[in-house]
Amino acid sequence: MQEHINKDVEDHPVDPYLYSCFKEKLTLPPLPAEEEQKLLKQIEKNFRVLLLPWILTTTNYEDANFLEIGCGDGKYGYYISEYIKHYIGIDIRKVSIQSAQDLLRDRSNCSVLLNDGLSLEKIKDKSQQFIFSYQTFIHMPDESIILGYIKEILRVLAEDGVAKIQLLGPFHKKGYRIEWIKLGTLFPNNEADSKVKWLVKKVFLKILRFVPMDFIFPIFRKNAHHNPWGSFGAFIHPSKIIELVNENDSYAEVLPSFYGSSAGANTYGIYWLIIAKKEAARPFFVTLG
């Protein structure tokens, strides 16, 4: 497997445009061993919320192929591969591919591939029962790249397969705008909060103790949302994606993405796109996540 991955790294450079957009994120420094273990545990928690219910309620999941777009260093693949027949992870970062290889070296049902960032050209037509992407498409810099990937997903998705892709919605458009916010999303638990910030939260919430945390109210803003994993990319309206999928004789729906993000959970600021070749194949159970 090591030889295959190293050859793939050399033979498949990242698209130059994408490299110019992500070059500062393509060589992330390694984490200390203790931090790596902590992150692996967090990924396991995410996996049990975002993926495990979906996998276990899918017929014949043990014989399924699973494709993850933006696999990073393979931590999701580490858990996914325990349940399915074959896992493929793709990413545009060499350092991530090499880290994924190290983590998955004992998993014979795993492959990780360096991708060009524009296509799924190494994946066969109609070969994947599961396609998943989390915190990847929200960084893509251009709408045309996103739409191109959706077409590729439709190409490689099996007739009985389902794709679950996280996307960035119009809530993140630039300039002055009105946004609708759920009160509770303004005060997520954060271990990194300073004592002052924690006290402000506590006092403010005490003042608003009669207002339910799911109360939605408008705010006026200009500045972009901050994201610890890098700059947000191009937003795309859910209706445009649904139209594209329907034009390709497939089924699509969008669901809010709550888990792991407080930004725009009620305005499709970040949302899940669910794709199936046939409506009957849509998942029995998908957590909103």
C-alpha atoms as a PDB file:
ATOM      1  CA  MET A   1       0.000   0.000   0.000  1.00  0.00           C
ATOM      2  CA  GLN A   2       2.878   2.405   0.820  1.00  0.00           C
ATOM      3  CA  GLU A   3       4.320   2.117  -2.705  1.00  0.00           C
ATOM      4  CA  HIS A   4       0.915   2.689  -4.284  1.00  0.00           C
ATOM      5  CA  ILE A   5       0.276   5.839  -2.269  1.00  0.00           C
ATOM      6  CA  ASN A   6       3.727   7.320  -2.796  1.00  0.00           C
ATOM      7  CA  LYS A   7       3.466   6.762  -6.545  1.00  0.00           C
ATOM      8  CA  ASP A   8       0.042   8.376  -6.529  1.00  0.00           C
ATOM      9  CA  VAL A   9       1.402  11.421  -4.701  1.00  0.00           C
ATOM     10  CA  GLU A  10       4.068  11.947  -7.347  1.00  0.00           C
ATOM     11  CA  ASP A  11       1.856  11.288 -10.361  1.00  0.00           C
ATOM     12  CA  HIS A  12      -1.156  13.374  -9.379  1.00  0.00           C
ATOM     13  CA  PRO A  13      -0.399  17.018  -8.533  1.00  0.00           C
ATOM     14  CA  VAL A  14      -3.064  19.305  -7.156  1.00  0.00           C
ATOM     15  CA  ASP A  15      -4.767  21.626  -9.624  1.00  0.00           C
ATOM     16  CA  PRO A  16      -2.709  24.893  -9.722  1.00  0.00           C
ATOM     17  CA  TYR A  17      -5.725  27.109  -9.022  1.00  0.00           C
ATOM     18  CA  LEU A  18      -6.671  25.112  -5.941  1.00  0.00           C
ATOM     19  CA  TYR A  19      -3.051  25.094  -4.806  1.00  0.00           C
ATOM     20  CA  SER A  20      -3.041  28.905  -4.938  1.00  0.00           C
ATOM     21  CA  CYS A  21      -6.169  28.943  -2.764  1.00  0.00           C
ATOM     22  CA  PHE A  22      -5.052  26.394  -0.187  1.00  0.00           C
ATOM     23  CA  LYS A  23      -1.251  26.468  -0.223  1.00  0.00           C
ATOM     24  CA  GLU A  24      -1.016  27.618   3.417  1.00  0.00           C
ATOM     25  CA  LYS A  25      -3.207  24.630   4.413  1.00  0.00           C
ATOM     26  CA  LEU A  26      -1.457  21.943   2.348  1.00  0.00           C
ATOM     27  CA  THR A  27       1.403  21.378   4.788  1.00  0.00           C
ATOM     28  CA  LEU A  28      -0.135  21.291   8.246  1.00  0.00           C
ATOM     29  CA  PRO A  29       2.321  20.672  11.123  1.00  0.00           C
ATOM     30  CA  PRO A  30       1.974  17.333  12.953  1.00  0.00           C
ATOM     31  CA  LEU A  31       0.183  17.309  16.295  1.00  0.00           C
ATOM     32  CA  PRO A  32       1.793  15.946  19.472  1.00  0.00           C
ATOM     33  CA  ALA A  33       0.821  12.325  20.188  1.00  0.00           C
ATOM     34  CA  GLU A  34      -1.479  13.354  23.049  1.00  0.00           C
ATOM     35  CA  GLU A  35      -3.343  15.830  20.831  1.00  0.00           C
ATOM     36  CA  GLU A  36      -3.639  13.216  18.083  1.00  0.00           C
ATOM     37  CA  GLN A  37      -5.329  10.802  20.475  1.00  0.00           C
ATOM     38  CA  LYS A  38      -7.659  13.530  21.712  1.00  0.00           C
ATOM     39  CA  LEU A  39      -8.609  14.389  18.126  1.00  0.00           C
ATOM     40  CA  LEU A  40      -9.172  10.715  17.286  1.00  0.00           C
ATOM     41  CA  LYS A  41     -11.607  10.462  20.199  1.00  0.00           C
ATOM     42  CA  GLN A  42     -13.437  13.570  18.998  1.00  0.00           C
ATOM     43  CA  ILE A  43     -13.683  12.090  15.497  1.00  0.00           C
ATOM     44  CA  GLU A  44     -15.130   8.909  17.004  1.00  0.00           C
ATOM     45  CA  LYS A  45     -17.801  11.024  18.698  1.00  0.00           C
ATOM     46  CA  ASN A  46     -18.538  12.806  15.405  1.00  0.00           C
ATOM     47  CA  PHE A  47     -18.659   9.463  13.587  1.00  0.00           C
ATOM     48  CA  ARG A  48     -21.295   8.105  15.957  1.00  0.00           C
ATOM     49  CA  VAL A  49     -23.464  11.168  15.385  1.00  0.00           C
ATOM     50  CA  LEU A  50     -22.936  11.854  11.676  1.00  0.00           C
ATOM     51  CA  LEU A  51     -22.369   8.426  10.143  1.00  0.00           C
ATOM     52  CA  LEU A  52     -23.022   5.337  12.239  1.00  0.00           C
ATOM     53  CA  PRO A  53     -26.858   5.597  12.356  1.00  0.00           C
ATOM     54  CA  TRP A  54     -26.881   6.137   8.575  1.00  0.00           C
ATOM     55  CA  ILE A  55     -24.626   3.138   7.931  1.00  0.00           C
ATOM     56  CA  LEU A  56     -26.385   0.722  10.285  1.00  0.00           C
ATOM     57  CA  THR A  57     -29.847   1.473   8.916  1.00  0.00           C
ATOM     58  CA  THR A  58     -28.753   0.873   5.310  1.00  0.00           C
ATOM     59  CA  THR A  59     -29.465  -2.528   3.773  1.00  0.00           C
ATOM     60  CA  ASN A  60     -26.358  -4.676   3.130  1.00  0.00           C
ATOM     61  CA  TYR A  61     -23.945  -2.051   4.452  1.00  0.00           C
ATOM     62  CA  GLU A  62     -21.364  -4.808   5.083  1.00  0.00           C
ATOM     63  CA  ASP A  63     -21.025  -5.255   1.293  1.00  0.00           C
ATOM     64  CA  ALA A  64     -20.919  -1.546   0.483  1.00  0.00           C
ATOM     65  CA  ASN A  65     -18.206   0.724  -0.877  1.00  0.00           C
ATOM     66  CA  PHE A  66     -17.692   4.021   0.945  1.00  0.00           C
ATOM     67  CA  LEU A  67     -16.079   7.121  -0.588  1.00  0.00           C
ATOM     68  CA  GLU A  68     -15.010  10.062   1.596  1.00  0.00           C
ATOM     69  CA  ILE A  69     -14.176  13.298  -0.218  1.00  0.00           C
ATOM     70  CA  GLY A  70     -11.679  15.282   1.831  1.00  0.00           C
ATOM     71  CA  CYS A  71     -10.550  12.389   4.028  1.00  0.00           C
ATOM     72  CA  GLY A  72      -7.796  14.339   5.771  1.00  0.00           C
ATOM     73  CA  ASP A  73      -5.533  12.038   7.737  1.00  0.00           C
ATOM     74  CA  GLY A  74      -7.978   9.129   7.636  1.00  0.00           C
ATOM     75  CA  LYS A  75      -9.514   9.367  11.103  1.00  0.00           C
ATOM     76  CA  TYR A  76     -13.084   9.004   9.841  1.00  0.00           C
ATOM     77  CA  GLY A  77     -11.933   6.150   7.611  1.00  0.00           C
ATOM     78  CA  TYR A  78     -10.480   4.457  10.699  1.00  0.00           C
ATOM     79  CA  TYR A  79     -14.007   4.049  12.100  1.00  0.00           C
ATOM     80  CA  ILE A  80     -15.935   3.741   8.835  1.00  0.00           C
ATOM     81  CA  SER A  81     -13.821   0.808   7.636  1.00  0.00           C
ATOM     82  CA  GLU A  82     -14.990  -1.354  10.559  1.00  0.00           C
ATOM     83  CA  TYR A  83     -18.493  -1.547   9.082  1.00  0.00           C
ATOM     84  CA  ILE A  84     -18.251  -1.576   5.290  1.00  0.00           C
ATOM     85  CA  LYS A  85     -16.609  -3.679   2.574  1.00  0.00           C
ATOM     86  CA  HIS A  86     -14.216  -1.094   1.138  1.00  0.00           C
ATOM     87  CA  TYR A  87     -13.306   2.471   2.089  1.00  0.00           C
ATOM     88  CA  ILE A  88     -11.730   5.012  -0.276  1.00  0.00           C
ATOM     89  CA  GLY A  89     -10.529   8.358   1.036  1.00  0.00           C
ATOM     90  CA  ILE A  90      -9.376  11.154  -1.265  1.00  0.00           C
ATOM     91  CA  ASP A  91      -7.670  14.451  -0.420  1.00  0.00           C
ATOM     92  CA  ILE A  92      -5.575  17.142  -2.112  1.00  0.00           C
ATOM     93  CA  ARG A  93      -2.923  17.268   0.628  1.00  0.00           C
ATOM     94  CA  LYS A  94       0.130  15.026   0.380  1.00  0.00           C
ATOM     95  CA  VAL A  95       0.786  15.256   4.103  1.00  0.00           C
ATOM     96  CA  SER A  96      -2.767  14.065   4.809  1.00  0.00           C
ATOM     97  CA  ILE A  97      -2.465  11.120   2.425  1.00  0.00           C
ATOM     98  CA  GLN A  98       0.754  10.029   4.114  1.00  0.00           C
ATOM     99  CA  SER A  99      -0.780  10.378   7.576  1.00  0.00           C
ATOM    100  CA  ALA A 100      -3.865   8.413   6.477  1.00  0.00           C
ATOM    101  CA  GLN A 101      -1.610   5.663   5.146  1.00  0.00           C
ATOM    102  CA  ASP A 102       0.104   5.388   8.528  1.00  0.00           C
ATOM    103  CA  LEU A 103      -3.188   5.282  10.425  1.00  0.00           C
ATOM    104  CA  LEU A 104      -4.860   2.755   8.090  1.00  0.00           C
ATOM    105  CA  ARG A 105      -1.879   0.543   7.291  1.00  0.00           C
ATOM    106  CA  ASP A 106      -3.451  -2.453   9.064  1.00  0.00           C
ATOM    107  CA  ARG A 107      -6.835  -2.042   7.356  1.00  0.00           C
ATOM    108  CA  SER A 108      -6.781  -4.170   4.215  1.00  0.00           C
ATOM    109  CA  ASN A 109     -10.127  -2.758   3.050  1.00  0.00           C
ATOM    110  CA  CYS A 110      -8.874   0.855   2.850  1.00  0.00           C
ATOM    111  CA  SER A 111      -7.406   2.910  -0.006  1.00  0.00           C
ATOM    112  CA  VAL A 112      -6.349   6.555   0.130  1.00  0.00           C
ATOM    113  CA  LEU A 113      -5.704   8.559  -3.025  1.00  0.00           C
ATOM    114  CA  LEU A 114      -4.276  11.978  -3.765  1.00  0.00           C
ATOM    115  CA  ASN A 115      -6.903  13.869  -5.729  1.00  0.00           C
ATOM    116  CA  ASP A 116      -6.617  16.744  -8.202  1.00  0.00           C
ATOM    117  CA  GLY A 117      -9.293  18.718  -6.344  1.00  0.00           C
ATOM    118  CA  LEU A 118     -11.577  18.951  -9.364  1.00  0.00           C
ATOM    119  CA  SER A 119     -12.808  15.465 -10.157  1.00  0.00           C
ATOM    120  CA  LEU A 120     -13.266  11.865  -9.027  1.00  0.00           C
ATOM    121  CA  GLU A 121     -11.499  10.464 -12.059  1.00  0.00           C
ATOM    122  CA  LYS A 122      -9.964   7.520 -10.187  1.00  0.00           C
ATOM    123  CA  ILE A 123     -13.380   6.270  -9.035  1.00  0.00           C
ATOM    124  CA  LYS A 124     -15.373   3.935 -11.269  1.00  0.00           C
ATOM    125  CA  ASP A 125     -18.871   4.755 -12.514  1.00  0.00           C
ATOM    126  CA  LYS A 126     -21.756   3.707 -10.240  1.00  0.00           C
ATOM    127  CA  SER A 127     -19.374   2.028  -7.794  1.00  0.00           C
ATOM    128  CA  GLN A 128     -20.046   3.746  -4.427  1.00  0.00           C
ATOM    129  CA  GLN A 129     -22.965   2.975  -2.127  1.00  0.00           C
ATOM    130  CA  PHE A 130     -21.942   5.688   0.359  1.00  0.00           C
ATOM    131  CA  ILE A 131     -20.396   9.064  -0.483  1.00  0.00           C
ATOM    132  CA  PHE A 132     -19.620  11.446   2.366  1.00  0.00           C
ATOM    133  CA  SER A 133     -17.936  14.827   2.742  1.00  0.00           C
ATOM    134  CA  TYR A 134     -17.728  16.895   5.922  1.00  0.00           C
ATOM    135  CA  GLN A 135     -16.075  20.327   6.296  1.00  0.00           C
ATOM    136  CA  THR A 136     -14.594  20.103   2.784  1.00  0.00           C
ATOM    137  CA  PHE A 137     -16.976  21.619   0.234  1.00  0.00           C
ATOM    138  CA  ILE A 138     -17.496  24.615   2.539  1.00  0.00           C
ATOM    139  CA  HIS A 139     -13.916  25.651   1.738  1.00  0.00           C
ATOM    140  CA  MET A 140     -14.078  25.212  -2.039  1.00  0.00           C
ATOM    141  CA  PRO A 141     -13.366  28.640  -3.566  1.00  0.00           C
ATOM    142  CA  ASP A 142     -15.516  28.525  -6.682  1.00  0.00           C
ATOM    143  CA  GLU A 143     -19.121  27.557  -7.378  1.00  0.00           C
ATOM    144  CA  SER A 144     -18.135  25.881 -10.661  1.00  0.00           C
ATOM    145  CA  ILE A 145     -15.832  23.507  -8.751  1.00  0.00           C
ATOM    146  CA  ILE A 146     -18.683  22.541  -6.429  1.00  0.00           C
ATOM    147  CA  LEU A 147     -21.100  21.929  -9.312  1.00  0.00           C
ATOM    148  CA  GLY A 148     -18.446  19.923 -11.149  1.00  0.00           C
ATOM    149  CA  TYR A 149     -17.975  17.714  -8.111  1.00  0.00           C
ATOM    150  CA  ILE A 150     -21.734  17.180  -7.790  1.00  0.00           C
ATOM    151  CA  LYS A 151     -21.796  15.898 -11.377  1.00  0.00           C
ATOM    152  CA  GLU A 152     -18.903  13.567 -10.545  1.00  0.00           C
ATOM    153  CA  ILE A 153     -20.740  12.333  -7.454  1.00  0.00           C
ATOM    154  CA  LEU A 154     -23.745  11.507  -9.637  1.00  0.00           C
ATOM    155  CA  ARG A 155     -21.429   9.585 -11.962  1.00  0.00           C
ATOM    156  CA  VAL A 156     -19.819   7.396  -9.302  1.00  0.00           C
ATOM    157  CA  LEU A 157     -22.880   6.935  -7.070  1.00  0.00           C
ATOM    158  CA  ALA A 158     -24.345   3.435  -7.270  1.00  0.00           C
ATOM    159  CA  GLU A 159     -27.992   2.987  -8.274  1.00  0.00           C
ATOM    160  CA  ASP A 160     -28.803   2.061  -4.662  1.00  0.00           C
ATOM    161  CA  GLY A 161     -26.307   4.545  -3.192  1.00  0.00           C
ATOM    162  CA  VAL A 162     -26.676   7.736  -1.185  1.00  0.00           C
ATOM    163  CA  ALA A 163     -24.422  10.773  -0.909  1.00  0.00           C
ATOM    164  CA  LYS A 164     -24.318  13.066   2.122  1.00  0.00           C
ATOM    165  CA  ILE A 165     -22.389  16.273   1.388  1.00  0.00           C
ATOM    166  CA  GLN A 166     -21.991  19.333   3.625  1.00  0.00           C
ATOM    167  CA  LEU A 167     -22.255  22.638   1.732  1.00  0.00           C
ATOM    168  CA  LEU A 168     -22.109  26.356   2.435  1.00  0.00           C
ATOM    169  CA  GLY A 169     -25.338  28.279   1.874  1.00  0.00           C
ATOM    170  CA  PRO A 170     -26.298  31.898   1.117  1.00  0.00           C
ATOM    171  CA  PHE A 171     -26.172  32.803   4.802  1.00  0.00           C
ATOM    172  CA  HIS A 172     -22.437  33.315   4.215  1.00  0.00           C
ATOM    173  CA  LYS A 173     -22.685  35.736   1.321  1.00  0.00           C
ATOM    174  CA  LYS A 174     -20.559  38.856   1.628  1.00  0.00           C
ATOM    175  CA  GLY A 175     -21.780  42.351   2.383  1.00  0.00           C
ATOM    176  CA  TYR A 176     -24.541  43.797   4.521  1.00  0.00           C
ATOM    177  CA  ARG A 177     -27.331  41.342   5.204  1.00  0.00           C
ATOM    178  CA  ILE A 178     -30.013  40.216   7.618  1.00  0.00           C
ATOM    179  CA  GLU A 179     -29.426  36.826   9.235  1.00  0.00           C
ATOM    180  CA  TRP A 180     -31.757  34.785  11.391  1.00  0.00           C
ATOM    181  CA  ILE A 181     -30.043  33.295  14.420  1.00  0.00           C
ATOM    182  CA  LYS A 182     -31.135  30.789  17.026  1.00  0.00           C
ATOM    183  CA  LEU A 183     -30.361  32.179  20.492  1.00  0.00           C
ATOM    184  CA  GLY A 184     -28.786  28.958  21.682  1.00  0.00           C
ATOM    185  CA  THR A 185     -26.246  28.917  18.847  1.00  0.00           C
ATOM    186  CA  LEU A 186     -24.697  32.155  20.136  1.00  0.00           C
ATOM    187  CA  PHE A 187     -23.647  30.455  23.336  1.00  0.00           C
ATOM    188  CA  PRO A 188     -22.123  27.076  22.537  1.00  0.00           C
ATOM    189  CA  ASN A 189     -20.071  25.439  25.254  1.00  0.00           C
ATOM    190  CA  ASN A 190     -16.437  26.289  24.629  1.00  0.00           C
ATOM    191  CA  GLU A 191     -13.652  25.115  26.928  1.00  0.00           C
ATOM    192  CA  ALA A 192     -11.371  27.815  25.524  1.00  0.00           C
ATOM    193  CA  ASP A 193     -13.550  30.681  26.775  1.00  0.00           C
ATOM    194  CA  SER A 194     -11.827  33.176  29.041  1.00  0.00           C
ATOM    195  CA  LYS A 195     -13.302  33.867  32.469  1.00  0.00           C
ATOM    196  CA  VAL A 196     -14.527  37.252  31.249  1.00  0.00           C
ATOM    197  CA  LYS A 197     -16.237  35.767  28.196  1.00  0.00           C
ATOM    198  CA  TRP A 198     -17.770  33.030  30.323  1.00  0.00           C
ATOM    199  CA  LEU A 199     -19.112  35.639  32.777  1.00  0.00           C
ATOM    200  CA  VAL A 200     -20.613  37.723  29.949  1.00  0.00           C
ATOM    201  CA  LYS A 201     -22.383  34.629  28.612  1.00  0.00           C
ATOM    202  CA  LYS A 202     -23.694  33.743  32.056  1.00  0.00           C
ATOM    203  CA  VAL A 203     -25.027  37.248  32.761  1.00  0.00           C
ATOM    204  CA  PHE A 204     -26.579  37.615  29.310  1.00  0.00           C
ATOM    205  CA  LEU A 205     -28.309  34.255  29.532  1.00  0.00           C
ATOM    206  CA  LYS A 206     -29.606  35.104  32.990  1.00  0.00           C
ATOM    207  CA  ILE A 207     -31.174  38.272  31.596  1.00  0.00           C
ATOM    208  CA  LEU A 208     -32.772  36.202  28.835  1.00  0.00           C
ATOM    209  CA  ARG A 209     -33.757  33.321  31.114  1.00  0.00           C
ATOM    210  CA  PHE A 210     -37.413  33.558  30.024  1.00  0.00           C
ATOM    211  CA  VAL A 211     -36.504  33.247  26.332  1.00  0.00           C
ATOM    212  CA  PRO A 212     -36.176  29.669  24.985  1.00  0.00           C
ATOM    213  CA  MET A 213     -32.809  28.751  23.480  1.00  0.00           C
ATOM    214  CA  ASP A 214     -34.495  27.823  20.177  1.00  0.00           C
ATOM    215  CA  PHE A 215     -35.909  31.345  19.818  1.00  0.00           C
ATOM    216  CA  ILE A 216     -34.945  32.747  16.392  1.00  0.00           C
ATOM    217  CA  PHE A 217     -34.273  36.441  15.871  1.00  0.00           C
ATOM    218  CA  PRO A 218     -32.779  38.626  13.104  1.00  0.00           C
ATOM    219  CA  ILE A 219     -29.398  40.346  13.252  1.00  0.00           C
ATOM    220  CA  PHE A 220     -27.778  42.815  10.865  1.00  0.00           C
ATOM    221  CA  ARG A 221     -24.208  42.042   9.896  1.00  0.00           C
ATOM    222  CA  LYS A 222     -21.466  42.654   7.357  1.00  0.00           C
ATOM    223  CA  ASN A 223     -18.434  40.715   8.502  1.00  0.00           C
ATOM    224  CA  ALA A 224     -17.831  37.145   7.390  1.00  0.00           C
ATOM    225  CA  HIS A 225     -18.075  34.268   9.831  1.00  0.00           C
ATOM    226  CA  HIS A 226     -14.851  32.980  11.322  1.00  0.00           C
ATOM    227  CA  ASN A 227     -13.891  29.356  10.856  1.00  0.00           C
ATOM    228  CA  PRO A 228     -10.986  27.692  12.734  1.00  0.00           C
ATOM    229  CA  TRP A 229     -10.276  25.252   9.867  1.00  0.00           C
ATOM    230  CA  GLY A 230      -9.604  27.867   7.203  1.00  0.00           C
ATOM    231  CA  SER A 231     -11.426  30.458   5.143  1.00  0.00           C
ATOM    232  CA  PHE A 232     -14.953  29.722   4.008  1.00  0.00           C
ATOM    233  CA  GLY A 233     -15.264  29.270   0.264  1.00  0.00           C
ATOM    234  CA  ALA A 234     -18.047  29.877  -2.236  1.00  0.00           C
ATOM    235  CA  PHE A 235     -21.625  29.590  -1.050  1.00  0.00           C
ATOM    236  CA  ILE A 236     -24.245  27.961  -3.224  1.00  0.00           C
ATOM    237  CA  HIS A 237     -28.020  28.172  -2.900  1.00  0.00           C
ATOM    238  CA  PRO A 238     -29.708  24.815  -2.139  1.00  0.00           C
ATOM    239  CA  SER A 239     -32.211  25.292  -4.982  1.00  0.00           C
ATOM    240  CA  LYS A 240     -29.386  25.404  -7.549  1.00  0.00           C
ATOM    241  CA  ILE A 241     -27.997  22.098  -6.313  1.00  0.00           C
ATOM    242  CA  ILE A 242     -31.410  20.440  -6.261  1.00  0.00           C
ATOM    243  CA  GLU A 243     -32.094  21.640  -9.791  1.00  0.00           C
ATOM    244  CA  LEU A 244     -28.776  20.197 -11.018  1.00  0.00           C
ATOM    245  CA  VAL A 245     -29.443  16.834  -9.378  1.00  0.00           C
ATOM    246  CA  ASN A 246     -32.999  16.653 -10.704  1.00  0.00           C
ATOM    247  CA  GLU A 247     -31.779  17.450 -14.220  1.00  0.00           C
ATOM    248  CA  ASN A 248     -29.646  14.319 -13.960  1.00  0.00           C
ATOM    249  CA  ASP A 249     -32.673  12.152 -13.142  1.00  0.00           C
ATOM    250  CA  SER A 250     -31.755  11.841  -9.490  1.00  0.00           C
ATOM    251  CA  TYR A 251     -33.298  12.815  -6.166  1.00  0.00           C
ATOM    252  CA  ALA A 252     -32.021  15.518  -3.795  1.00  0.00           C
ATOM    253  CA  GLU A 253     -33.042  17.138  -0.550  1.00  0.00           C
ATOM    254  CA  VAL A 254     -31.328  19.526   1.862  1.00  0.00           C
ATOM    255  CA  LEU A 255     -31.250  19.417   5.644  1.00  0.00           C
ATOM    256  CA  PRO A 256     -29.833  21.899   8.166  1.00  0.00           C
ATOM    257  CA  SER A 257     -26.381  21.101   9.534  1.00  0.00           C
ATOM    258  CA  PHE A 258     -26.476  21.669  13.285  1.00  0.00           C
ATOM    259  CA  TYR A 259     -23.688  19.511  14.638  1.00  0.00           C
ATOM    260  CA  GLY A 260     -20.277  21.104  15.033  1.00  0.00           C
ATOM    261  CA  SER A 261     -21.343  24.537  13.829  1.00  0.00           C
ATOM    262  CA  SER A 262     -23.279  27.371  15.406  1.00  0.00           C
ATOM    263  CA  ALA A 263     -23.214  29.508  12.252  1.00  0.00           C
ATOM    264  CA  GLY A 264     -26.428  29.717  10.303  1.00  0.00           C
ATOM    265  CA  ALA A 265     -27.987  26.483  11.479  1.00  0.00           C
ATOM    266  CA  ASN A 266     -31.464  27.884  10.872  1.00  0.00           C
ATOM    267  CA  THR A 267     -30.857  29.569   7.523  1.00  0.00           C
ATOM    268  CA  TYR A 268     -29.022  26.833   5.628  1.00  0.00           C
ATOM    269  CA  GLY A 269     -25.782  28.690   6.306  1.00  0.00           C
ATOM    270  CA  ILE A 270     -24.217  25.243   6.403  1.00  0.00           C
ATOM    271  CA  TYR A 271     -26.422  22.429   5.163  1.00  0.00           C
ATOM    272  CA  TRP A 272     -26.404  18.785   4.137  1.00  0.00           C
ATOM    273  CA  LEU A 273     -27.179  17.773   0.593  1.00  0.00           C
ATOM    274  CA  ILE A 274     -28.631  14.259   0.321  1.00  0.00           C
ATOM    275  CA  ILE A 275     -28.443  12.668  -3.144  1.00  0.00           C
ATOM    276  CA  ALA A 276     -29.924   9.369  -4.336  1.00  0.00           C
ATOM    277  CA  LYS A 277     -30.373   8.017  -7.853  1.00  0.00           C
ATOM    278  CA  LYS A 278     -33.943   7.150  -6.953  1.00  0.00           C
ATOM    279  CA  GLU A 279     -36.138   8.634  -4.242  1.00  0.00           C
ATOM    280  CA  ALA A 280     -36.835   5.136  -2.967  1.00  0.00           C
ATOM    281  CA  ALA A 281     -33.109   4.741  -2.231  1.00  0.00           C
ATOM    282  CA  ARG A 282     -32.955   7.771   0.086  1.00  0.00           C
ATOM    283  CA  PRO A 283     -31.667   6.871   3.537  1.00  0.00           C
ATOM    284  CA  PHE A 284     -34.024   5.515   6.140  1.00  0.00           C
ATOM    285  CA  PHE A 285     -32.145   7.425   8.839  1.00  0.00           C
ATOM    286  CA  VAL A 286     -29.799  10.405   8.456  1.00  0.00           C
ATOM    287  CA  THR A 287     -28.947  12.531  11.485  1.00  0.00           C
ATOM    288  CA  LEU A 288     -29.080  16.234  10.689  1.00  0.00           C
ATOM    289  CA  GLY A 289     -25.631  16.601  12.131  1.00  0.00           C
END
